[in-house]
Structure formats: C-alpha cells, structure tokens
Amino acid sequence: MSTWDSKRQRVKGNSTQARTINLHLDEVKSEIVQCFRDMKSESKIATQQLVKARYLGEDKKDHSLKDIFNYHNEKMGVKLAPKTLYHYKASQKYILIRYQMSIKKMIYFFKIWTINLFWD
C-alpha cells in the first residue's frame, strides 16, 4: 500500500479517510494498552494472546455459585410465578449456607492435617 507509513505504523496523508483510519488505530492501541494495564492491576500474567483475548472479550470470568444464582433469578424472575421464585431463593440460601459450612469444615480438617504432619 503506497499510503501506508511502515515506520510510523500509520496511513500517510491528511485526507479525511487517512485521519479517520489513524484515529481508529489510536483508539484500538489505547484499548489494548488499557487491557494490559487492567491485567497487570489484577495481578494476572499478560501475554500477547491473553491481552488479545481480553481485548476481544474472549477471556473468561470466574463465577461463584452466588453469581450463578443471581443470574438465574434475573433471567427467570420475569418468567416464574412469584411464589416459585420465592421458593427458589429460599433453596438457594440454604445451598449457600451448606456450601459455606462444608468449606469451613474442609479448612478446619486441612489445618488439623497440616499440624499432624509437623508433629508426627
């Protein structure tokens, strides 16, 4: 392409089309740099592929059980009868409580196990 400046990585010229393309290139570069900074602030490894995935919106977000329940309630809340949604929320509450209790038990047994490792 004769209008491409490979040294500056921009379109040559001052036409409206050249300015529009260069402005778009600047915006894309700025968004990619922001993706890189966001990943660094989240203490994530920022490789070229991971930054590209973040820019394209292909990186995964970890969801908790509570996030999944909230998503379900938002999407299905308008489709379900109020009593059904009420029962779902009650069940979700008990599931979360049970889940938290089992996590606490696992942590407790892990601590006991590590103490026993050192004293045996």
C-alpha atoms as a PDB file:
ATOM      1  CA  MET A   1       0.000   0.000   0.000  1.00  0.00           C
ATOM      2  CA  SER A   2       1.590   3.249  -1.087  1.00  0.00           C
ATOM      3  CA  THR A   3      -0.223   5.359   1.516  1.00  0.00           C
ATOM      4  CA  TRP A   4       0.995   3.279   4.458  1.00  0.00           C
ATOM      5  CA  ASP A   5       3.934   4.616   6.506  1.00  0.00           C
ATOM      6  CA  SER A   6       5.527   1.460   7.887  1.00  0.00           C
ATOM      7  CA  LYS A   7       7.950   3.397  10.071  1.00  0.00           C
ATOM      8  CA  ARG A   8       5.183   5.288  11.903  1.00  0.00           C
ATOM      9  CA  GLN A   9       2.602   2.491  11.511  1.00  0.00           C
ATOM     10  CA  ARG A  10       0.047   4.989  10.184  1.00  0.00           C
ATOM     11  CA  VAL A  11      -1.678   5.976   6.991  1.00  0.00           C
ATOM     12  CA  LYS A  12       0.144   8.753   5.128  1.00  0.00           C
ATOM     13  CA  GLY A  13      -1.629  11.923   4.237  1.00  0.00           C
ATOM     14  CA  ASN A  14      -4.045  14.409   5.686  1.00  0.00           C
ATOM     15  CA  SER A  15      -7.247  13.360   3.957  1.00  0.00           C
ATOM     16  CA  THR A  16     -10.418  12.694   5.935  1.00  0.00           C
ATOM     17  CA  GLN A  17     -10.086   8.988   5.286  1.00  0.00           C
ATOM     18  CA  ALA A  18      -6.455   8.930   6.484  1.00  0.00           C
ATOM     19  CA  ARG A  19      -7.331  10.864   9.638  1.00  0.00           C
ATOM     20  CA  THR A  20     -10.289   8.563  10.352  1.00  0.00           C
ATOM     21  CA  ILE A  21      -8.162   5.431   9.978  1.00  0.00           C
ATOM     22  CA  ASN A  22      -5.355   6.887  12.116  1.00  0.00           C
ATOM     23  CA  LEU A  23      -7.841   7.920  14.793  1.00  0.00           C
ATOM     24  CA  HIS A  24      -9.274   4.407  14.820  1.00  0.00           C
ATOM     25  CA  LEU A  25      -5.768   2.950  15.107  1.00  0.00           C
ATOM     26  CA  ASP A  26      -5.076   5.248  18.083  1.00  0.00           C
ATOM     27  CA  GLU A  27      -8.303   4.132  19.793  1.00  0.00           C
ATOM     28  CA  VAL A  28      -7.527   0.455  19.276  1.00  0.00           C
ATOM     29  CA  LYS A  29      -4.000   0.935  20.608  1.00  0.00           C
ATOM     30  CA  SER A  30      -5.364   2.768  23.632  1.00  0.00           C
ATOM     31  CA  GLU A  31      -7.872  -0.027  24.358  1.00  0.00           C
ATOM     32  CA  ILE A  32      -5.178  -2.694  24.063  1.00  0.00           C
ATOM     33  CA  VAL A  33      -2.905  -0.776  26.443  1.00  0.00           C
ATOM     34  CA  GLN A  34      -5.839  -0.450  28.867  1.00  0.00           C
ATOM     35  CA  CYS A  35      -6.433  -4.228  28.693  1.00  0.00           C
ATOM     36  CA  PHE A  36      -2.758  -4.766  29.500  1.00  0.00           C
ATOM     37  CA  ARG A  37      -2.916  -2.359  32.458  1.00  0.00           C
ATOM     38  CA  ASP A  38      -6.111  -3.972  33.770  1.00  0.00           C
ATOM     39  CA  MET A  39      -4.498  -7.403  33.670  1.00  0.00           C
ATOM     40  CA  LYS A  40      -1.427  -6.109  35.490  1.00  0.00           C
ATOM     41  CA  SER A  41      -3.584  -4.460  38.178  1.00  0.00           C
ATOM     42  CA  GLU A  42      -5.425  -7.787  38.614  1.00  0.00           C
ATOM     43  CA  SER A  43      -2.006  -9.465  39.066  1.00  0.00           C
ATOM     44  CA  LYS A  44      -2.595 -11.645  36.014  1.00  0.00           C
ATOM     45  CA  ILE A  45       0.025 -12.710  33.522  1.00  0.00           C
ATOM     46  CA  ALA A  46      -0.262 -10.572  30.401  1.00  0.00           C
ATOM     47  CA  THR A  47       0.954 -12.437  27.347  1.00  0.00           C
ATOM     48  CA  GLN A  48       0.136 -11.304  23.825  1.00  0.00           C
ATOM     49  CA  GLN A  49      -2.532 -13.988  23.483  1.00  0.00           C
ATOM     50  CA  LEU A  50      -4.160 -13.164  26.821  1.00  0.00           C
ATOM     51  CA  VAL A  51      -4.208  -9.419  26.104  1.00  0.00           C
ATOM     52  CA  LYS A  52      -5.735 -10.146  22.695  1.00  0.00           C
ATOM     53  CA  ALA A  53      -8.367 -12.376  24.299  1.00  0.00           C
ATOM     54  CA  ARG A  54      -9.179  -9.628  26.823  1.00  0.00           C
ATOM     55  CA  TYR A  55      -9.450  -7.045  24.035  1.00  0.00           C
ATOM     56  CA  LEU A  56     -11.779  -9.291  22.027  1.00  0.00           C
ATOM     57  CA  GLY A  57     -13.820 -10.127  25.133  1.00  0.00           C
ATOM     58  CA  GLU A  58     -12.896 -13.790  24.987  1.00  0.00           C
ATOM     59  CA  ASP A  59     -11.257 -14.046  28.388  1.00  0.00           C
ATOM     60  CA  LYS A  60     -13.191 -15.943  30.990  1.00  0.00           C
ATOM     61  CA  LYS A  61     -14.530 -14.543  34.187  1.00  0.00           C
ATOM     62  CA  ASP A  62     -14.773 -16.848  37.160  1.00  0.00           C
ATOM     63  CA  HIS A  63     -18.282 -17.049  38.546  1.00  0.00           C
ATOM     64  CA  SER A  64     -19.223 -18.030  42.054  1.00  0.00           C
ATOM     65  CA  LEU A  65     -22.244 -20.094  42.966  1.00  0.00           C
ATOM     66  CA  LYS A  66     -23.902 -16.920  44.214  1.00  0.00           C
ATOM     67  CA  ASP A  67     -23.264 -15.220  40.840  1.00  0.00           C
ATOM     68  CA  ILE A  68     -24.938 -18.117  39.062  1.00  0.00           C
ATOM     69  CA  PHE A  69     -27.956 -17.968  41.367  1.00  0.00           C
ATOM     70  CA  ASN A  70     -28.268 -14.196  40.835  1.00  0.00           C
ATOM     71  CA  TYR A  71     -28.047 -14.632  37.077  1.00  0.00           C
ATOM     72  CA  HIS A  72     -30.773 -17.267  37.184  1.00  0.00           C
ATOM     73  CA  ASN A  73     -33.014 -15.057  39.298  1.00  0.00           C
ATOM     74  CA  GLU A  74     -32.561 -12.069  36.975  1.00  0.00           C
ATOM     75  CA  LYS A  75     -33.259 -14.046  33.806  1.00  0.00           C
ATOM     76  CA  MET A  76     -36.039 -16.257  35.113  1.00  0.00           C
ATOM     77  CA  GLY A  77     -37.594 -13.813  37.588  1.00  0.00           C
ATOM     78  CA  VAL A  78     -39.965 -12.383  34.987  1.00  0.00           C
ATOM     79  CA  LYS A  79     -40.968 -15.834  33.712  1.00  0.00           C
ATOM     80  CA  LEU A  80     -41.658 -17.510  37.047  1.00  0.00           C
ATOM     81  CA  ALA A  81     -44.579 -17.136  39.390  1.00  0.00           C
ATOM     82  CA  PRO A  82     -43.693 -15.031  42.452  1.00  0.00           C
ATOM     83  CA  LYS A  83     -44.152 -17.998  44.828  1.00  0.00           C
ATOM     84  CA  THR A  84     -41.872 -20.189  42.693  1.00  0.00           C
ATOM     85  CA  LEU A  85     -39.159 -17.541  42.683  1.00  0.00           C
ATOM     86  CA  TYR A  86     -39.577 -17.203  46.454  1.00  0.00           C
ATOM     87  CA  HIS A  87     -39.034 -20.947  46.881  1.00  0.00           C
ATOM     88  CA  TYR A  88     -36.021 -20.873  44.551  1.00  0.00           C
ATOM     89  CA  LYS A  89     -34.432 -18.088  46.583  1.00  0.00           C
ATOM     90  CA  ALA A  90     -35.060 -19.955  49.831  1.00  0.00           C
ATOM     91  CA  SER A  91     -33.437 -23.092  48.390  1.00  0.00           C
ATOM     92  CA  GLN A  92     -30.514 -21.064  47.076  1.00  0.00           C
ATOM     93  CA  LYS A  93     -29.998 -19.535  50.510  1.00  0.00           C
ATOM     94  CA  TYR A  94     -29.838 -22.969  52.160  1.00  0.00           C
ATOM     95  CA  ILE A  95     -27.497 -24.302  49.473  1.00  0.00           C
ATOM     96  CA  LEU A  96     -25.115 -21.362  50.007  1.00  0.00           C
ATOM     97  CA  ILE A  97     -25.181 -21.857  53.794  1.00  0.00           C
ATOM     98  CA  ARG A  98     -24.459 -25.577  53.403  1.00  0.00           C
ATOM     99  CA  TYR A  99     -21.675 -24.824  50.914  1.00  0.00           C
ATOM    100  CA  GLN A 100     -20.048 -22.319  53.272  1.00  0.00           C
ATOM    101  CA  MET A 101     -20.251 -24.801  56.157  1.00  0.00           C
ATOM    102  CA  SER A 102     -18.576 -27.525  54.103  1.00  0.00           C
ATOM    103  CA  ILE A 103     -15.800 -25.121  53.057  1.00  0.00           C
ATOM    104  CA  LYS A 104     -15.195 -24.226  56.708  1.00  0.00           C
ATOM    105  CA  LYS A 105     -15.020 -27.922  57.602  1.00  0.00           C
ATOM    106  CA  MET A 106     -12.536 -28.551  54.824  1.00  0.00           C
ATOM    107  CA  ILE A 107     -10.338 -25.701  56.059  1.00  0.00           C
ATOM    108  CA  TYR A 108     -10.554 -26.986  59.630  1.00  0.00           C
ATOM    109  CA  PHE A 109      -9.558 -30.533  58.640  1.00  0.00           C
ATOM    110  CA  PHE A 110      -6.765 -29.210  56.453  1.00  0.00           C
ATOM    111  CA  LYS A 111      -5.372 -27.260  59.404  1.00  0.00           C
ATOM    112  CA  ILE A 112      -5.566 -30.347  61.633  1.00  0.00           C
ATOM    113  CA  TRP A 113      -3.878 -32.421  58.937  1.00  0.00           C
ATOM    114  CA  THR A 114      -1.018 -29.934  58.498  1.00  0.00           C
ATOM    115  CA  ILE A 115      -0.495 -29.738  62.284  1.00  0.00           C
ATOM    116  CA  ASN A 116      -0.353 -33.524  62.457  1.00  0.00           C
ATOM    117  CA  LEU A 117       2.201 -33.581  59.651  1.00  0.00           C
ATOM    118  CA  PHE A 118       4.573 -31.442  61.668  1.00  0.00           C
ATOM    119  CA  TRP A 119       4.111 -33.335  64.961  1.00  0.00           C
ATOM    120  CA  ASP A 120       4.309 -36.874  63.622  1.00  0.00           C
END
